[in-house]
């Protein structure tokens, strides 16, 4: 992949990440505004309370899968067929996001325990996670689904 195209993809992915961080942090405010403080995680596999990482897992899986499809259908150049390549990329992004965030939540709980943060801190954490997921998914989808660039990667 050419350096300028890679830089362009990275710049676009960072912009997508920042925009999604603000949008999703703002949306989560309306779901969590009744809390003055929220636990980052709790020591239970199932619970009925909202947590920062629990909210982030659900949000990020949904974002990863939706944004993979949005990025795919937004590609203007020649691209791979949606099925099977982009379809399986969508599934892969969902499972990867689930695995990484769930693992981080388990590690947080093991080493830090139940820590409560203010609503604003919770929204910032959720927004940052959403931004990172959005940026990575955007970059990986555009890089993996643009046919001419995909061909160049495998030809090298």
Protein backbone atom coordinates (compact mmCIF):
# COMPACT_ATOMS: atom_id res chain seq x y z
CA UNK A 1 0.00 0.00 0.00
CA UNK A 2 1.40 3.38 -0.89
CA UNK A 3 2.48 5.58 1.96
CA UNK A 4 0.23 8.49 0.94
CA UNK A 5 -2.83 6.25 0.70
CA UNK A 6 -2.02 4.66 4.05
CA UNK A 7 -1.60 8.12 5.60
CA UNK A 8 -4.91 9.20 4.06
CA UNK A 9 -6.67 6.13 5.49
CA UNK A 10 -5.13 6.74 8.94
CA UNK A 11 -6.15 10.40 8.90
CA UNK A 12 -9.71 9.49 7.90
CA UNK A 13 -9.85 6.76 10.55
CA UNK A 14 -8.68 9.16 13.27
CA UNK A 15 -11.31 11.70 12.22
CA UNK A 16 -13.98 8.98 12.27
CA UNK A 17 -12.80 7.92 15.73
CA UNK A 18 -12.93 11.45 17.16
CA UNK A 19 -16.38 12.13 15.71
CA UNK A 20 -17.74 8.82 17.02
CA UNK A 21 -16.20 9.41 20.45
CA UNK A 22 -18.14 12.66 20.84
CA UNK A 23 -21.37 11.33 19.32
CA UNK A 24 -21.47 8.13 21.35
CA UNK A 25 -20.33 9.79 24.56
CA UNK A 26 -23.18 12.26 24.09
CA UNK A 27 -25.72 9.56 23.35
CA UNK A 28 -24.70 7.61 26.44
CA UNK A 29 -25.34 10.70 28.55
CA UNK A 30 -29.07 10.32 27.89
CA UNK A 31 -28.98 6.67 28.98
CA UNK A 32 -26.90 7.24 32.11
CA UNK A 33 -27.84 10.77 33.24
CA UNK A 34 -29.71 9.52 36.30
CA UNK A 35 -26.44 8.25 37.85
CA UNK A 36 -24.13 10.48 39.85
CA UNK A 37 -21.45 7.78 39.85
CA UNK A 38 -21.05 4.53 37.93
CA UNK A 39 -18.87 1.49 38.60
CA UNK A 40 -16.30 0.77 35.91
CA UNK A 41 -16.98 -2.95 36.43
CA UNK A 42 -18.48 -5.20 39.09
CA UNK A 43 -17.47 -8.63 40.32
CA UNK A 44 -20.26 -10.57 38.65
CA UNK A 45 -20.79 -12.12 35.26
CA UNK A 46 -24.43 -11.11 35.22
CA UNK A 47 -25.82 -8.07 36.96
CA UNK A 48 -28.70 -5.66 36.68
CA UNK A 49 -26.69 -2.49 37.10
CA UNK A 50 -25.09 -0.36 34.42
CA UNK A 51 -21.30 -0.30 34.37
CA UNK A 52 -18.87 1.66 32.23
CA UNK A 53 -17.22 -1.38 30.66
CA UNK A 54 -20.50 -3.28 30.34
CA UNK A 55 -21.97 -0.37 28.42
CA UNK A 56 -18.79 -0.08 26.35
CA UNK A 57 -18.87 -3.74 25.33
CA UNK A 58 -22.41 -3.56 23.99
CA UNK A 59 -21.86 -0.21 22.31
CA UNK A 60 -18.56 -1.25 20.75
CA UNK A 61 -19.81 -4.53 19.29
CA UNK A 62 -22.73 -2.75 17.69
CA UNK A 63 -20.48 0.05 16.43
CA UNK A 64 -17.89 -2.35 15.04
CA UNK A 65 -20.42 -4.28 13.02
CA UNK A 66 -22.44 -1.30 11.78
CA UNK A 67 -19.39 0.79 10.92
CA UNK A 68 -17.80 -2.09 9.02
CA UNK A 69 -20.84 -2.16 6.73
CA UNK A 70 -21.02 1.64 6.49
CA UNK A 71 -17.34 1.86 5.57
CA UNK A 72 -17.69 -0.96 3.03
CA UNK A 73 -20.67 0.62 1.28
CA UNK A 74 -18.91 4.00 1.34
CA UNK A 75 -15.94 2.77 -0.70
CA UNK A 76 -16.00 4.53 -4.08
CA UNK A 77 -13.18 2.55 -5.71
CA UNK A 78 -13.32 -1.07 -6.82
CA UNK A 79 -14.05 -3.25 -3.82
CA UNK A 80 -14.38 -6.90 -2.92
CA UNK A 81 -17.78 -8.56 -3.01
CA UNK A 82 -19.80 -8.05 0.16
CA UNK A 83 -20.33 -11.77 0.59
CA UNK A 84 -18.19 -13.50 1.71
CA UNK A 85 -15.31 -11.06 2.34
CA UNK A 86 -16.99 -7.99 3.87
CA UNK A 87 -19.66 -10.10 5.56
CA UNK A 88 -17.06 -12.16 7.42
CA UNK A 89 -15.05 -9.02 8.17
CA UNK A 90 -18.18 -7.63 9.86
CA UNK A 91 -18.53 -10.78 11.98
CA UNK A 92 -14.81 -10.78 12.76
CA UNK A 93 -14.86 -7.16 13.93
CA UNK A 94 -17.81 -7.90 16.23
CA UNK A 95 -16.19 -10.95 17.83
CA UNK A 96 -12.78 -9.27 18.09
CA UNK A 97 -14.29 -6.24 19.81
CA UNK A 98 -16.23 -8.45 22.20
CA UNK A 99 -13.14 -10.48 23.09
CA UNK A 100 -10.84 -7.52 23.66
CA UNK A 101 -13.26 -5.43 25.72
CA UNK A 102 -14.52 -8.35 27.77
CA UNK A 103 -10.93 -9.38 28.52
CA UNK A 104 -10.06 -5.83 29.55
CA UNK A 105 -13.12 -5.71 31.82
CA UNK A 106 -12.14 -8.98 33.48
CA UNK A 107 -8.54 -7.81 33.96
CA UNK A 108 -9.73 -4.47 35.32
CA UNK A 109 -11.97 -6.22 37.84
CA UNK A 110 -9.23 -8.63 38.88
CA UNK A 111 -6.54 -6.00 39.45
CA UNK A 112 -8.48 -2.82 40.29
CA UNK A 113 -11.74 -4.17 41.68
CA UNK A 114 -14.97 -2.22 41.70
CA UNK A 115 -14.14 1.45 41.21
CA UNK A 116 -16.84 4.06 40.87
CA UNK A 117 -16.32 7.15 38.71
CA UNK A 118 -18.37 10.27 38.12
CA UNK A 119 -20.85 10.42 35.25
CA UNK A 120 -18.57 12.73 33.24
CA UNK A 121 -15.59 10.38 33.71
CA UNK A 122 -17.74 7.42 32.68
CA UNK A 123 -18.89 9.23 29.53
CA UNK A 124 -15.30 10.13 28.65
CA UNK A 125 -14.17 6.51 29.07
CA UNK A 126 -17.07 5.22 26.97
CA UNK A 127 -16.43 7.87 24.33
CA UNK A 128 -12.72 7.08 24.13
CA UNK A 129 -13.44 3.35 23.75
CA UNK A 130 -16.06 4.07 21.07
CA UNK A 131 -13.61 6.34 19.26
CA UNK A 132 -10.81 3.79 19.27
CA UNK A 133 -13.13 1.04 18.03
CA UNK A 134 -14.59 3.30 15.33
CA UNK A 135 -11.22 4.43 14.05
CA UNK A 136 -9.75 0.94 13.96
CA UNK A 137 -12.79 -0.59 12.26
CA UNK A 138 -12.86 2.17 9.65
CA UNK A 139 -9.18 1.77 8.83
CA UNK A 140 -9.25 -2.03 8.73
CA UNK A 141 -12.39 -2.13 6.59
CA UNK A 142 -11.14 0.35 4.01
CA UNK A 143 -7.75 -1.33 3.87
CA UNK A 144 -9.20 -4.83 3.62
CA UNK A 145 -12.05 -4.22 1.20
CA UNK A 146 -10.60 -1.89 -1.43
CA UNK A 147 -9.86 -4.29 -4.25
CA UNK A 148 -6.88 -2.54 -5.83
CA UNK A 149 -5.10 -2.12 -2.48
CA UNK A 150 -5.95 -5.63 -1.36
CA UNK A 151 -4.47 -6.98 -4.58
CA UNK A 152 -1.29 -4.93 -4.08
CA UNK A 153 -0.88 -6.27 -0.53
CA UNK A 154 -1.05 -9.89 -1.63
CA UNK A 155 1.08 -9.35 -4.71
CA UNK A 156 3.99 -7.95 -2.68
